[in-house]
Amino acid sequence: MKNGKKPTRHQKGIIKLSGLNPENWLIYKANGDRLSLVHRYTGTTRKVFKE
């Protein structure tokens, strides 16, 4: 599992807009236009694009 960090308030808003629950996702990479997420319990990964 990748080591994730707690999302900031702004990042939580982006995660919520993509239809995910921000309480269950951690940030392991934050590029300029993309957030790479890892699920807190299962370890699955996703990429979310900022709009």
PDB file of N, CA and C in Angstrom:
ATOM      1  N   MET A   1       0.835  -1.178   0.000  1.00  0.00           N
ATOM      2  CA  MET A   1       0.000   0.000   0.000  1.00  0.00           C
ATOM      3  C   MET A   1       0.882   1.244   0.000  1.00  0.00           C
ATOM      4  N   LYS A   2       0.469   2.231  -0.751  1.00  0.00           N
ATOM      5  CA  LYS A   2       1.207   3.488  -0.789  1.00  0.00           C
ATOM      6  C   LYS A   2       0.907   4.284   0.481  1.00  0.00           C
ATOM      7  N   ASN A   3       1.891   5.059   0.925  1.00  0.00           N
ATOM      8  CA  ASN A   3       1.705   5.874   2.116  1.00  0.00           C
ATOM      9  C   ASN A   3       0.995   7.159   1.751  1.00  0.00           C
ATOM     10  N   GLY A   4      -0.230   7.297   2.184  1.00  0.00           N
ATOM     11  CA  GLY A   4      -1.017   8.467   1.855  1.00  0.00           C
ATOM     12  C   GLY A   4      -1.022   9.481   2.975  1.00  0.00           C
ATOM     13  N   LYS A   5      -1.372  10.711   2.623  1.00  0.00           N
ATOM     14  CA  LYS A   5      -1.497  11.808   3.574  1.00  0.00           C
ATOM     15  C   LYS A   5      -2.952  12.272   3.599  1.00  0.00           C
ATOM     16  N   LYS A   6      -3.354  12.860   4.712  1.00  0.00           N
ATOM     17  CA  LYS A   6      -4.706  13.376   4.815  1.00  0.00           C
ATOM     18  C   LYS A   6      -4.897  14.515   3.832  1.00  0.00           C
ATOM     19  N   PRO A   7      -6.034  14.562   3.127  1.00  0.00           N
ATOM     20  CA  PRO A   7      -6.275  15.646   2.170  1.00  0.00           C
ATOM     21  C   PRO A   7      -6.601  16.960   2.877  1.00  0.00           C
ATOM     22  N   THR A   8      -6.222  18.060   2.230  1.00  0.00           N
ATOM     23  CA  THR A   8      -6.566  19.381   2.734  1.00  0.00           C
ATOM     24  C   THR A   8      -8.039  19.665   2.441  1.00  0.00           C
ATOM     25  N   ARG A   9      -8.522  20.784   2.932  1.00  0.00           N
ATOM     26  CA  ARG A   9      -9.926  21.139   2.714  1.00  0.00           C
ATOM     27  C   ARG A   9     -10.221  21.298   1.226  1.00  0.00           C
ATOM     28  N   HIS A  10      -9.309  21.926   0.487  1.00  0.00           N
ATOM     29  CA  HIS A  10      -9.490  22.110  -0.955  1.00  0.00           C
ATOM     30  C   HIS A  10      -9.493  20.756  -1.670  1.00  0.00           C
ATOM     31  N   GLN A  11      -8.591  19.875  -1.296  1.00  0.00           N
ATOM     32  CA  GLN A  11      -8.523  18.551  -1.915  1.00  0.00           C
ATOM     33  C   GLN A  11      -9.761  17.726  -1.580  1.00  0.00           C
ATOM     34  N   LYS A  12     -10.283  17.877  -0.365  1.00  0.00           N
ATOM     35  CA  LYS A  12     -11.512  17.167   0.001  1.00  0.00           C
ATOM     36  C   LYS A  12     -12.671  17.584  -0.901  1.00  0.00           C
ATOM     37  N   GLY A  13     -12.722  18.880  -1.244  1.00  0.00           N
ATOM     38  CA  GLY A  13     -13.769  19.359  -2.149  1.00  0.00           C
ATOM     39  C   GLY A  13     -13.650  18.732  -3.523  1.00  0.00           C
ATOM     40  N   ILE A  14     -12.434  18.589  -4.023  1.00  0.00           N
ATOM     41  CA  ILE A  14     -12.217  17.972  -5.329  1.00  0.00           C
ATOM     42  C   ILE A  14     -12.627  16.504  -5.299  1.00  0.00           C
ATOM     43  N   ILE A  15     -12.267  15.811  -4.226  1.00  0.00           N
ATOM     44  CA  ILE A  15     -12.630  14.394  -4.093  1.00  0.00           C
ATOM     45  C   ILE A  15     -14.143  14.241  -4.043  1.00  0.00           C
ATOM     46  N   LYS A  16     -14.805  15.129  -3.312  1.00  0.00           N
ATOM     47  CA  LYS A  16     -16.264  15.065  -3.186  1.00  0.00           C
ATOM     48  C   LYS A  16     -16.951  15.324  -4.525  1.00  0.00           C
ATOM     49  N   LEU A  17     -16.411  16.282  -5.314  1.00  0.00           N
ATOM     50  CA  LEU A  17     -16.994  16.576  -6.619  1.00  0.00           C
ATOM     51  C   LEU A  17     -16.873  15.395  -7.578  1.00  0.00           C
ATOM     52  N   SER A  18     -15.874  14.542  -7.368  1.00  0.00           N
ATOM     53  CA  SER A  18     -15.723  13.378  -8.241  1.00  0.00           C
ATOM     54  C   SER A  18     -16.589  12.207  -7.795  1.00  0.00           C
ATOM     55  N   GLY A  19     -17.393  12.394  -6.756  1.00  0.00           N
ATOM     56  CA  GLY A  19     -18.341  11.368  -6.339  1.00  0.00           C
ATOM     57  C   GLY A  19     -17.799  10.387  -5.321  1.00  0.00           C
ATOM     58  N   LEU A  20     -16.694  10.723  -4.662  1.00  0.00           N
ATOM     59  CA  LEU A  20     -16.102   9.831  -3.673  1.00  0.00           C
ATOM     60  C   LEU A  20     -16.254  10.432  -2.279  1.00  0.00           C
ATOM     61  N   ASN A  21     -16.154   9.590  -1.271  1.00  0.00           N
ATOM     62  CA  ASN A  21     -16.220  10.038   0.111  1.00  0.00           C
ATOM     63  C   ASN A  21     -14.817  10.427   0.564  1.00  0.00           C
ATOM     64  N   PRO A  22     -14.565  11.700   0.866  1.00  0.00           N
ATOM     65  CA  PRO A  22     -13.211  12.136   1.214  1.00  0.00           C
ATOM     66  C   PRO A  22     -12.677  11.530   2.503  1.00  0.00           C
ATOM     67  N   GLU A  23     -13.543  11.010   3.354  1.00  0.00           N
ATOM     68  CA  GLU A  23     -13.086  10.400   4.604  1.00  0.00           C
ATOM     69  C   GLU A  23     -12.400   9.058   4.360  1.00  0.00           C
ATOM     70  N   ASN A  24     -12.640   8.453   3.205  1.00  0.00           N
ATOM     71  CA  ASN A  24     -12.083   7.131   2.913  1.00  0.00           C
ATOM     72  C   ASN A  24     -10.861   7.165   2.010  1.00  0.00           C
ATOM     73  N   TRP A  25     -10.433   8.359   1.560  1.00  0.00           N
ATOM     74  CA  TRP A  25      -9.343   8.441   0.588  1.00  0.00           C
ATOM     75  C   TRP A  25      -8.200   9.285   1.131  1.00  0.00           C
ATOM     76  N   LEU A  26      -6.972   8.871   0.822  1.00  0.00           N
ATOM     77  CA  LEU A  26      -5.761   9.589   1.188  1.00  0.00           C
ATOM     78  C   LEU A  26      -5.024  10.000  -0.081  1.00  0.00           C
ATOM     79  N   ILE A  27      -4.243  11.070  -0.015  1.00  0.00           N
ATOM     80  CA  ILE A  27      -3.489  11.578  -1.158  1.00  0.00           C
ATOM     81  C   ILE A  27      -2.084  10.998  -1.108  1.00  0.00           C
ATOM     82  N   TYR A  28      -1.648  10.343  -2.196  1.00  0.00           N
ATOM     83  CA  TYR A  28      -0.255   9.906  -2.218  1.00  0.00           C
ATOM     84  C   TYR A  28       0.565  10.650  -3.264  1.00  0.00           C
ATOM     85  N   LYS A  29      -0.082  11.381  -4.170  1.00  0.00           N
ATOM     86  CA  LYS A  29       0.640  12.232  -5.112  1.00  0.00           C
ATOM     87  C   LYS A  29      -0.312  13.327  -5.578  1.00  0.00           C
ATOM     88  N   ALA A  30       0.170  14.566  -5.547  1.00  0.00           N
ATOM     89  CA  ALA A  30      -0.643  15.697  -5.992  1.00  0.00           C
ATOM     90  C   ALA A  30       0.139  16.467  -7.043  1.00  0.00           C
ATOM     91  N   ASN A  31      -0.198  16.235  -8.301  1.00  0.00           N
ATOM     92  CA  ASN A  31       0.408  16.979  -9.404  1.00  0.00           C
ATOM     93  C   ASN A  31      -0.408  18.239  -9.653  1.00  0.00           C
ATOM     94  N   GLY A  32      -0.033  18.999 -10.656  1.00  0.00           N
ATOM     95  CA  GLY A  32      -0.719  20.243 -10.945  1.00  0.00           C
ATOM     96  C   GLY A  32      -2.190  20.080 -11.270  1.00  0.00           C
ATOM     97  N   ASP A  33      -2.529  19.084 -12.066  1.00  0.00           N
ATOM     98  CA  ASP A  33      -3.922  18.920 -12.481  1.00  0.00           C
ATOM     99  C   ASP A  33      -4.501  17.568 -12.079  1.00  0.00           C
ATOM    100  N   ARG A  34      -3.805  16.815 -11.244  1.00  0.00           N
ATOM    101  CA  ARG A  34      -4.264  15.469 -10.930  1.00  0.00           C
ATOM    102  C   ARG A  34      -3.964  15.139  -9.467  1.00  0.00           C
ATOM    103  N   LEU A  35      -4.908  14.453  -8.825  1.00  0.00           N
ATOM    104  CA  LEU A  35      -4.695  13.911  -7.489  1.00  0.00           C
ATOM    105  C   LEU A  35      -4.666  12.392  -7.607  1.00  0.00           C
ATOM    106  N   SER A  36      -3.667  11.780  -7.033  1.00  0.00           N
ATOM    107  CA  SER A  36      -3.598  10.329  -6.984  1.00  0.00           C
ATOM    108  C   SER A  36      -4.004   9.903  -5.584  1.00  0.00           C
ATOM    109  N   LEU A  37      -5.033   9.073  -5.513  1.00  0.00           N
ATOM    110  CA  LEU A  37      -5.637   8.694  -4.245  1.00  0.00           C
ATOM    111  C   LEU A  37      -5.414   7.221  -3.953  1.00  0.00           C
ATOM    112  N   VAL A  38      -5.365   6.896  -2.684  1.00  0.00           N
ATOM    113  CA  VAL A  38      -5.331   5.505  -2.246  1.00  0.00           C
ATOM    114  C   VAL A  38      -6.426   5.358  -1.189  1.00  0.00           C
ATOM    115  N   HIS A  39      -7.189   4.264  -1.284  1.00  0.00           N
ATOM    116  CA  HIS A  39      -8.278   4.040  -0.342  1.00  0.00           C
ATOM    117  C   HIS A  39      -7.707   3.698   1.021  1.00  0.00           C
ATOM    118  N   ARG A  40      -8.296   4.256   2.041  1.00  0.00           N
ATOM    119  CA  ARG A  40      -7.793   4.128   3.403  1.00  0.00           C
ATOM    120  C   ARG A  40      -7.808   2.676   3.899  1.00  0.00           C
ATOM    121  N   TYR A  41      -8.766   1.880   3.491  1.00  0.00           N
ATOM    122  CA  TYR A  41      -8.926   0.530   4.035  1.00  0.00           C
ATOM    123  C   TYR A  41      -8.538  -0.575   3.057  1.00  0.00           C
ATOM    124  N   THR A  42      -8.872  -0.423   1.778  1.00  0.00           N
ATOM    125  CA  THR A  42      -8.635  -1.508   0.829  1.00  0.00           C
ATOM    126  C   THR A  42      -7.321  -1.388   0.074  1.00  0.00           C
ATOM    127  N   GLY A  43      -6.761  -0.179  -0.015  1.00  0.00           N
ATOM    128  CA  GLY A  43      -5.502   0.015  -0.716  1.00  0.00           C
ATOM    129  C   GLY A  43      -5.638   0.215  -2.212  1.00  0.00           C
ATOM    130  N   THR A  44      -6.864   0.299  -2.729  1.00  0.00           N
ATOM    131  CA  THR A  44      -7.035   0.540  -4.155  1.00  0.00           C
ATOM    132  C   THR A  44      -6.665   1.982  -4.487  1.00  0.00           C
ATOM    133  N   THR A  45      -6.215   2.212  -5.716  1.00  0.00           N
ATOM    134  CA  THR A  45      -5.784   3.543  -6.119  1.00  0.00           C
ATOM    135  C   THR A  45      -6.700   4.099  -7.201  1.00  0.00           C
ATOM    136  N   ARG A  46      -6.782   5.430  -7.253  1.00  0.00           N
ATOM    137  CA  ARG A  46      -7.550   6.144  -8.273  1.00  0.00           C
ATOM    138  C   ARG A  46      -6.831   7.423  -8.604  1.00  0.00           C
ATOM    139  N   LYS A  47      -7.103   7.933  -9.797  1.00  0.00           N
ATOM    140  CA  LYS A  47      -6.600   9.237 -10.199  1.00  0.00           C
ATOM    141  C   LYS A  47      -7.803  10.133 -10.469  1.00  0.00           C
ATOM    142  N   VAL A  48      -7.784  11.313  -9.857  1.00  0.00           N
ATOM    143  CA  VAL A  48      -8.876  12.276  -9.994  1.00  0.00           C
ATOM    144  C   VAL A  48      -8.295  13.532 -10.632  1.00  0.00           C
ATOM    145  N   PHE A  49      -8.968  14.042 -11.660  1.00  0.00           N
ATOM    146  CA  PHE A  49      -8.506  15.236 -12.347  1.00  0.00           C
ATOM    147  C   PHE A  49      -9.221  16.458 -11.806  1.00  0.00           C
ATOM    148  N   LYS A  50      -8.456  17.508 -11.543  1.00  0.00           N
ATOM    149  CA  LYS A  50      -9.041  18.775 -11.100  1.00  0.00           C
ATOM    150  C   LYS A  50      -9.689  19.439 -12.284  1.00  0.00           C
ATOM    151  N   GLU A  51     -10.805  20.092 -12.053  1.00  0.00           N
ATOM    152  CA  GLU A  51     -11.504  20.760 -13.145  1.00  0.00           C
ATOM    153  C   GLU A  51     -11.584  22.239 -12.920  1.00  0.00           C
TER     154      GLU A  51
END
